[in-house]
N, C-alpha and C. Protein backbone atom coordinates (compact mmCIF):
# COMPACT_ATOMS: atom_id res chain seq x y z
N MET A 1 -28.93 7.37 36.33
CA MET A 1 -27.73 8.15 36.13
C MET A 1 -28.05 9.45 35.40
N ASN A 2 -28.43 9.38 34.12
CA ASN A 2 -28.83 10.56 33.37
C ASN A 2 -29.69 10.13 32.21
N LYS A 3 -30.31 11.09 31.57
CA LYS A 3 -31.23 10.79 30.48
C LYS A 3 -30.51 10.37 29.21
N GLY A 4 -29.28 10.83 29.00
CA GLY A 4 -28.58 10.61 27.75
C GLY A 4 -27.81 9.32 27.65
N PHE A 5 -27.54 8.68 28.76
CA PHE A 5 -26.73 7.45 28.74
C PHE A 5 -27.38 6.47 29.69
N ASP A 6 -28.07 5.49 29.15
CA ASP A 6 -28.82 4.50 29.91
C ASP A 6 -27.93 3.79 30.93
N SER A 7 -28.49 3.46 32.08
CA SER A 7 -27.72 2.80 33.15
C SER A 7 -27.20 1.43 32.70
N ARG A 8 -27.91 0.76 31.79
CA ARG A 8 -27.41 -0.53 31.27
C ARG A 8 -26.16 -0.32 30.44
N LEU A 9 -26.14 0.75 29.65
CA LEU A 9 -24.94 1.07 28.89
C LEU A 9 -23.81 1.48 29.82
N ASP A 10 -24.16 2.22 30.87
CA ASP A 10 -23.15 2.63 31.84
C ASP A 10 -22.51 1.41 32.50
N GLN A 11 -23.33 0.43 32.82
CA GLN A 11 -22.80 -0.81 33.42
C GLN A 11 -21.85 -1.51 32.44
N GLY A 12 -22.26 -1.60 31.18
CA GLY A 12 -21.38 -2.20 30.17
C GLY A 12 -20.09 -1.43 30.00
N TRP A 13 -20.21 -0.10 30.04
CA TRP A 13 -19.02 0.75 29.93
C TRP A 13 -18.05 0.47 31.07
N TRP A 14 -18.56 0.36 32.30
CA TRP A 14 -17.69 0.08 33.45
C TRP A 14 -17.04 -1.29 33.34
N VAL A 15 -17.78 -2.29 32.89
CA VAL A 15 -17.22 -3.64 32.74
C VAL A 15 -16.08 -3.62 31.73
N LEU A 16 -16.32 -2.98 30.57
CA LEU A 16 -15.26 -2.89 29.57
C LEU A 16 -14.07 -2.08 30.09
N ARG A 17 -14.35 -0.99 30.76
CA ARG A 17 -13.28 -0.13 31.26
C ARG A 17 -12.38 -0.86 32.26
N ILE A 18 -13.00 -1.54 33.21
CA ILE A 18 -12.20 -2.25 34.21
C ILE A 18 -11.46 -3.43 33.59
N GLY A 19 -12.17 -4.22 32.77
CA GLY A 19 -11.53 -5.38 32.15
C GLY A 19 -10.41 -5.02 31.21
N LEU A 20 -10.66 -4.01 30.35
CA LEU A 20 -9.65 -3.62 29.38
C LEU A 20 -8.58 -2.72 29.98
N GLY A 21 -8.79 -2.25 31.19
CA GLY A 21 -7.75 -1.50 31.90
C GLY A 21 -6.85 -2.42 32.70
N LEU A 22 -7.48 -3.32 33.46
CA LEU A 22 -6.69 -4.25 34.28
C LEU A 22 -5.92 -5.26 33.43
N GLY A 23 -6.54 -5.75 32.36
CA GLY A 23 -5.88 -6.76 31.51
C GLY A 23 -4.53 -6.31 31.01
N PRO A 24 -4.47 -5.19 30.29
CA PRO A 24 -3.16 -4.73 29.81
C PRO A 24 -2.19 -4.38 30.94
N PHE A 25 -2.71 -3.78 32.02
CA PHE A 25 -1.82 -3.43 33.12
C PHE A 25 -1.17 -4.68 33.70
N LEU A 26 -1.97 -5.70 33.98
CA LEU A 26 -1.43 -6.93 34.57
C LEU A 26 -0.53 -7.70 33.59
N ALA A 27 -0.91 -7.73 32.32
CA ALA A 27 -0.06 -8.39 31.32
C ALA A 27 1.27 -7.65 31.20
N GLY A 28 1.21 -6.31 31.24
CA GLY A 28 2.44 -5.52 31.18
C GLY A 28 3.33 -5.77 32.37
N LEU A 29 2.73 -5.81 33.54
CA LEU A 29 3.49 -6.09 34.76
C LEU A 29 4.13 -7.48 34.69
N ASP A 30 3.39 -8.43 34.13
CA ASP A 30 3.91 -9.80 34.05
C ASP A 30 5.06 -9.95 33.06
N LYS A 31 5.26 -8.97 32.21
CA LYS A 31 6.41 -9.02 31.29
C LYS A 31 7.72 -9.05 32.08
N TYR A 32 7.67 -8.64 33.35
CA TYR A 32 8.86 -8.64 34.21
C TYR A 32 8.99 -9.90 35.05
N PHE A 33 7.91 -10.67 35.16
CA PHE A 33 7.92 -11.84 36.04
C PHE A 33 7.66 -13.16 35.31
N ASN A 34 7.03 -13.11 34.15
CA ASN A 34 6.72 -14.31 33.37
C ASN A 34 5.97 -15.36 34.18
N LEU A 35 5.02 -14.91 35.00
CA LEU A 35 4.20 -15.86 35.76
C LEU A 35 3.09 -16.44 34.89
N PHE A 36 2.50 -15.60 34.02
CA PHE A 36 1.41 -16.06 33.15
C PHE A 36 1.94 -16.97 32.06
N THR A 37 3.06 -16.58 31.48
CA THR A 37 3.66 -17.31 30.36
C THR A 37 5.06 -16.79 30.10
N ASN A 38 5.79 -17.43 29.22
CA ASN A 38 7.07 -16.92 28.75
C ASN A 38 6.77 -16.03 27.55
N TRP A 39 6.69 -14.75 27.78
CA TRP A 39 6.23 -13.80 26.77
C TRP A 39 7.12 -13.75 25.54
N THR A 40 8.40 -13.97 25.68
CA THR A 40 9.29 -13.87 24.51
C THR A 40 8.98 -14.95 23.48
N GLY A 41 8.32 -16.02 23.89
CA GLY A 41 7.94 -17.07 22.95
C GLY A 41 6.91 -16.62 21.94
N TYR A 42 6.27 -15.48 22.18
CA TYR A 42 5.25 -14.97 21.27
C TYR A 42 5.80 -13.95 20.28
N ILE A 43 7.08 -13.63 20.38
CA ILE A 43 7.67 -12.67 19.44
C ILE A 43 7.97 -13.37 18.13
N SER A 44 7.58 -12.74 17.05
CA SER A 44 7.84 -13.29 15.73
C SER A 44 9.34 -13.42 15.50
N PRO A 45 9.78 -14.54 14.90
CA PRO A 45 11.20 -14.67 14.56
C PRO A 45 11.69 -13.53 13.66
N LEU A 46 10.79 -13.02 12.81
CA LEU A 46 11.15 -11.89 11.96
C LEU A 46 11.48 -10.67 12.81
N ALA A 47 10.68 -10.43 13.83
CA ALA A 47 10.92 -9.29 14.72
C ALA A 47 12.21 -9.48 15.49
N LEU A 48 12.45 -10.70 15.96
CA LEU A 48 13.68 -10.96 16.73
C LEU A 48 14.94 -10.68 15.90
N LYS A 49 14.85 -10.93 14.59
CA LYS A 49 16.00 -10.69 13.72
C LYS A 49 16.33 -9.21 13.57
N ILE A 50 15.31 -8.36 13.62
CA ILE A 50 15.56 -6.93 13.38
C ILE A 50 15.68 -6.10 14.66
N LEU A 51 15.32 -6.69 15.80
CA LEU A 51 15.43 -5.96 17.06
C LEU A 51 16.90 -5.70 17.40
N PRO A 52 17.23 -4.49 17.84
CA PRO A 52 18.61 -4.19 18.21
C PRO A 52 18.95 -4.63 19.64
N PHE A 53 18.03 -5.35 20.29
CA PHE A 53 18.24 -5.82 21.65
C PHE A 53 17.53 -7.16 21.82
N SER A 54 17.66 -7.74 22.99
CA SER A 54 17.11 -9.07 23.23
C SER A 54 15.58 -9.05 23.25
N GLY A 55 15.00 -10.21 23.08
CA GLY A 55 13.56 -10.35 23.17
C GLY A 55 13.04 -9.97 24.54
N GLN A 56 13.79 -10.29 25.57
CA GLN A 56 13.36 -9.95 26.93
C GLN A 56 13.35 -8.44 27.15
N THR A 57 14.36 -7.76 26.63
CA THR A 57 14.37 -6.29 26.72
C THR A 57 13.17 -5.71 25.99
N PHE A 58 12.88 -6.27 24.81
CA PHE A 58 11.71 -5.83 24.05
C PHE A 58 10.44 -6.03 24.88
N MET A 59 10.32 -7.16 25.56
CA MET A 59 9.13 -7.42 26.37
C MET A 59 9.05 -6.46 27.56
N HIS A 60 10.17 -6.07 28.11
CA HIS A 60 10.15 -5.07 29.19
C HIS A 60 9.61 -3.73 28.68
N ILE A 61 10.03 -3.34 27.47
CA ILE A 61 9.51 -2.11 26.86
C ILE A 61 8.01 -2.23 26.61
N VAL A 62 7.62 -3.36 26.05
CA VAL A 62 6.20 -3.63 25.80
C VAL A 62 5.42 -3.58 27.12
N GLY A 63 6.00 -4.13 28.17
CA GLY A 63 5.33 -4.15 29.47
C GLY A 63 5.05 -2.75 29.99
N VAL A 64 6.01 -1.86 29.84
CA VAL A 64 5.81 -0.47 30.29
C VAL A 64 4.67 0.17 29.49
N ILE A 65 4.69 -0.02 28.18
CA ILE A 65 3.63 0.55 27.34
C ILE A 65 2.27 -0.02 27.74
N GLU A 66 2.18 -1.32 27.96
CA GLU A 66 0.90 -1.93 28.33
C GLU A 66 0.41 -1.42 29.69
N MET A 67 1.32 -1.24 30.63
CA MET A 67 0.89 -0.70 31.93
C MET A 67 0.38 0.73 31.79
N ILE A 68 1.04 1.53 30.97
CA ILE A 68 0.59 2.91 30.75
C ILE A 68 -0.79 2.92 30.09
N VAL A 69 -0.98 2.08 29.09
CA VAL A 69 -2.28 2.01 28.41
C VAL A 69 -3.36 1.55 29.38
N GLY A 70 -3.06 0.53 30.19
CA GLY A 70 -4.04 0.06 31.18
C GLY A 70 -4.41 1.15 32.17
N LEU A 71 -3.43 1.89 32.65
CA LEU A 71 -3.71 2.99 33.57
C LEU A 71 -4.50 4.11 32.90
N ALA A 72 -4.19 4.37 31.64
CA ALA A 72 -4.94 5.40 30.91
C ALA A 72 -6.42 5.02 30.83
N ILE A 73 -6.69 3.77 30.53
CA ILE A 73 -8.08 3.31 30.43
C ILE A 73 -8.77 3.41 31.79
N LEU A 74 -8.07 3.15 32.85
CA LEU A 74 -8.66 3.17 34.19
C LEU A 74 -8.80 4.58 34.77
N THR A 75 -8.18 5.56 34.13
CA THR A 75 -8.23 6.93 34.66
C THR A 75 -9.00 7.82 33.68
N LYS A 76 -8.75 9.10 33.72
CA LYS A 76 -9.54 10.03 32.91
C LYS A 76 -9.21 9.98 31.43
N TRP A 77 -8.25 9.20 31.02
CA TRP A 77 -7.88 9.08 29.61
C TRP A 77 -8.43 7.80 28.99
N THR A 78 -9.59 7.38 29.43
CA THR A 78 -10.19 6.13 28.96
C THR A 78 -10.29 6.07 27.44
N ARG A 79 -10.81 7.12 26.83
CA ARG A 79 -11.04 7.11 25.38
C ARG A 79 -9.72 6.94 24.62
N VAL A 80 -8.73 7.74 24.95
CA VAL A 80 -7.44 7.66 24.26
C VAL A 80 -6.78 6.30 24.52
N GLY A 81 -6.80 5.87 25.78
CA GLY A 81 -6.21 4.57 26.12
C GLY A 81 -6.88 3.43 25.38
N ALA A 82 -8.19 3.51 25.24
CA ALA A 82 -8.92 2.43 24.55
C ALA A 82 -8.58 2.41 23.06
N TYR A 83 -8.46 3.58 22.44
CA TYR A 83 -8.05 3.61 21.02
C TYR A 83 -6.63 3.06 20.86
N VAL A 84 -5.73 3.43 21.76
CA VAL A 84 -4.36 2.91 21.70
C VAL A 84 -4.37 1.39 21.91
N ALA A 85 -5.14 0.93 22.88
CA ALA A 85 -5.22 -0.52 23.13
C ALA A 85 -5.76 -1.25 21.91
N SER A 86 -6.74 -0.68 21.25
CA SER A 86 -7.31 -1.30 20.06
C SER A 86 -6.25 -1.48 18.97
N ALA A 87 -5.53 -0.41 18.68
CA ALA A 87 -4.47 -0.48 17.66
C ALA A 87 -3.35 -1.43 18.10
N TRP A 88 -3.00 -1.35 19.37
CA TRP A 88 -1.94 -2.20 19.92
C TRP A 88 -2.29 -3.68 19.78
N LEU A 89 -3.53 -4.03 20.08
CA LEU A 89 -3.97 -5.42 19.99
C LEU A 89 -3.98 -5.92 18.55
N VAL A 90 -4.33 -5.06 17.61
CA VAL A 90 -4.25 -5.44 16.19
C VAL A 90 -2.79 -5.71 15.82
N ALA A 91 -1.88 -4.87 16.28
CA ALA A 91 -0.45 -5.07 16.00
C ALA A 91 0.04 -6.39 16.61
N ILE A 92 -0.42 -6.69 17.81
CA ILE A 92 -0.04 -7.97 18.44
C ILE A 92 -0.56 -9.13 17.62
N ALA A 93 -1.80 -9.03 17.15
CA ALA A 93 -2.37 -10.10 16.33
C ALA A 93 -1.57 -10.30 15.05
N ILE A 94 -1.16 -9.21 14.43
CA ILE A 94 -0.34 -9.32 13.22
C ILE A 94 0.98 -10.01 13.53
N ASN A 95 1.61 -9.64 14.65
CA ASN A 95 2.84 -10.30 15.08
C ASN A 95 2.61 -11.80 15.26
N LEU A 96 1.51 -12.16 15.91
CA LEU A 96 1.23 -13.57 16.17
C LEU A 96 1.01 -14.35 14.87
N VAL A 97 0.29 -13.76 13.95
CA VAL A 97 0.06 -14.43 12.66
C VAL A 97 1.38 -14.61 11.92
N SER A 98 2.29 -13.64 12.04
CA SER A 98 3.57 -13.73 11.33
C SER A 98 4.47 -14.82 11.89
N THR A 99 4.15 -15.35 13.08
CA THR A 99 4.93 -16.47 13.61
C THR A 99 4.57 -17.78 12.92
N GLY A 100 3.40 -17.80 12.27
CA GLY A 100 2.91 -19.03 11.66
C GLY A 100 2.23 -19.92 12.68
N MET A 101 2.07 -19.41 13.90
CA MET A 101 1.41 -20.14 14.98
C MET A 101 0.50 -19.16 15.71
N PHE A 102 -0.09 -19.61 16.77
CA PHE A 102 -0.87 -18.76 17.67
C PHE A 102 -2.05 -18.06 16.99
N PHE A 103 -2.63 -18.70 15.97
CA PHE A 103 -3.76 -18.09 15.27
C PHE A 103 -4.96 -17.91 16.21
N ASP A 104 -5.13 -18.84 17.14
CA ASP A 104 -6.24 -18.74 18.10
C ASP A 104 -6.07 -17.50 18.99
N ILE A 105 -4.86 -17.24 19.40
CA ILE A 105 -4.61 -16.08 20.26
C ILE A 105 -4.75 -14.79 19.44
N ALA A 106 -4.35 -14.85 18.17
CA ALA A 106 -4.51 -13.68 17.30
C ALA A 106 -5.99 -13.34 17.14
N VAL A 107 -6.83 -14.34 16.97
CA VAL A 107 -8.28 -14.09 16.86
C VAL A 107 -8.79 -13.48 18.17
N ARG A 108 -8.35 -13.99 19.29
CA ARG A 108 -8.77 -13.44 20.59
C ARG A 108 -8.34 -11.98 20.71
N ASP A 109 -7.12 -11.67 20.26
CA ASP A 109 -6.64 -10.30 20.35
C ASP A 109 -7.41 -9.36 19.43
N ILE A 110 -7.83 -9.83 18.27
CA ILE A 110 -8.68 -9.02 17.39
C ILE A 110 -10.02 -8.75 18.07
N GLU A 111 -10.58 -9.77 18.73
CA GLU A 111 -11.84 -9.58 19.46
C GLU A 111 -11.66 -8.56 20.58
N MET A 112 -10.55 -8.61 21.29
CA MET A 112 -10.29 -7.62 22.34
C MET A 112 -10.08 -6.23 21.74
N ALA A 113 -9.46 -6.17 20.57
CA ALA A 113 -9.28 -4.88 19.89
C ALA A 113 -10.63 -4.27 19.55
N LEU A 114 -11.56 -5.10 19.12
CA LEU A 114 -12.92 -4.62 18.83
C LEU A 114 -13.59 -4.11 20.11
N ALA A 115 -13.41 -4.84 21.20
CA ALA A 115 -13.99 -4.41 22.48
C ALA A 115 -13.38 -3.08 22.92
N ALA A 116 -12.08 -2.90 22.74
CA ALA A 116 -11.43 -1.65 23.11
C ALA A 116 -11.95 -0.50 22.24
N PHE A 117 -12.16 -0.77 20.96
CA PHE A 117 -12.72 0.25 20.08
C PHE A 117 -14.13 0.65 20.55
N VAL A 118 -14.93 -0.35 20.91
CA VAL A 118 -16.28 -0.07 21.42
C VAL A 118 -16.21 0.75 22.70
N LEU A 119 -15.27 0.43 23.59
CA LEU A 119 -15.11 1.21 24.82
C LEU A 119 -14.80 2.67 24.49
N ALA A 120 -13.90 2.90 23.54
CA ALA A 120 -13.56 4.28 23.16
C ALA A 120 -14.79 5.01 22.64
N ARG A 121 -15.56 4.36 21.78
CA ARG A 121 -16.76 5.00 21.23
C ARG A 121 -17.82 5.23 22.31
N MET A 122 -17.99 4.24 23.20
CA MET A 122 -18.95 4.41 24.29
C MET A 122 -18.52 5.55 25.22
N THR A 123 -17.23 5.71 25.40
CA THR A 123 -16.72 6.79 26.24
C THR A 123 -17.09 8.14 25.63
N GLU A 124 -17.00 8.25 24.32
CA GLU A 124 -17.38 9.49 23.65
C GLU A 124 -18.87 9.77 23.85
N VAL A 125 -19.70 8.76 23.65
CA VAL A 125 -21.16 8.93 23.81
C VAL A 125 -21.49 9.27 25.26
N ARG A 126 -20.83 8.57 26.18
CA ARG A 126 -21.07 8.81 27.61
C ARG A 126 -20.67 10.24 27.99
N ARG A 127 -19.53 10.67 27.52
CA ARG A 127 -19.06 12.04 27.80
C ARG A 127 -20.06 13.06 27.27
N ASP A 128 -20.52 12.87 26.04
CA ASP A 128 -21.48 13.80 25.45
C ASP A 128 -22.79 13.81 26.24
N ALA A 129 -23.23 12.63 26.67
CA ALA A 129 -24.47 12.55 27.45
C ALA A 129 -24.32 13.24 28.79
N LEU A 130 -23.19 13.04 29.44
CA LEU A 130 -22.96 13.69 30.73
C LEU A 130 -22.88 15.20 30.58
N GLN A 131 -22.26 15.66 29.50
CA GLN A 131 -22.15 17.10 29.28
C GLN A 131 -23.50 17.71 28.95
N SER A 132 -24.36 16.98 28.27
CA SER A 132 -25.67 17.53 27.91
C SER A 132 -26.59 17.60 29.13
N ASP A 133 -26.30 16.82 30.17
CA ASP A 133 -27.10 16.84 31.40
C ASP A 133 -26.72 17.98 32.32
N VAL A 134 -25.56 18.60 32.08
CA VAL A 134 -25.10 19.69 32.93
C VAL A 134 -25.85 20.96 32.53
N PRO A 135 -26.52 21.58 33.47
CA PRO A 135 -27.21 22.83 33.11
C PRO A 135 -26.20 23.91 32.74
N HIS A 136 -26.46 24.57 31.63
CA HIS A 136 -25.55 25.60 31.15
C HIS A 136 -26.12 26.97 31.49
N LYS A 137 -25.22 27.90 31.79
CA LYS A 137 -25.64 29.28 32.01
C LYS A 137 -25.99 29.88 30.66
N PRO A 138 -27.02 30.66 30.61
CA PRO A 138 -27.38 31.26 29.32
C PRO A 138 -26.27 32.19 28.83
N SER A 139 -25.97 32.05 27.56
CA SER A 139 -24.96 32.94 26.98
C SER A 139 -25.62 34.26 26.61
N ALA A 140 -24.81 35.23 26.24
CA ALA A 140 -25.33 36.54 25.85
C ALA A 140 -26.25 36.42 24.65
N HIS A 141 -25.88 35.52 23.71
CA HIS A 141 -26.70 35.33 22.52
C HIS A 141 -28.06 34.73 22.88
N ALA A 142 -28.08 33.79 23.82
CA ALA A 142 -29.33 33.16 24.21
C ALA A 142 -30.24 34.17 24.92
N VAL A 143 -29.65 35.05 25.72
CA VAL A 143 -30.44 36.06 26.43
C VAL A 143 -31.06 37.04 25.45
N ILE A 144 -30.26 37.46 24.45
CA ILE A 144 -30.75 38.41 23.44
C ILE A 144 -31.85 37.76 22.60
N ALA A 145 -31.65 36.49 22.23
CA ALA A 145 -32.63 35.78 21.40
C ALA A 145 -33.95 35.56 22.15
N ALA A 146 -33.89 35.46 23.47
CA ALA A 146 -35.10 35.22 24.25
C ALA A 146 -35.89 36.48 24.30
């Protein structure tokens, strides 16, 4: 691929990008169908008390956000989408812990948040490596210095 970003890292980057892009997109889409699970069962009772609308409406809003984040990761906004996914997954884990249940799922979401953070950082390194491989035209300063 290039000298600055090893092909093994590139492969890992693609695996994280596809997995962390499709996962949120599909989970967000499922907020409308509840095929994977009944998503409202994961909302903290504390959150349900303060929401100005039903849990299902909240899950529909969450679903739209998750689909946008998934698409961002899968498109040219990978870095931003991955940082948002990382923060989002930490917030989900906090919600799950506040239910007094679902600690196993909260741990899984923290692990996914770490993976999303790594994807964002790898995207930065990959971008810098790709940019350093592009031949640059000499600037006026470089011509004078030569």
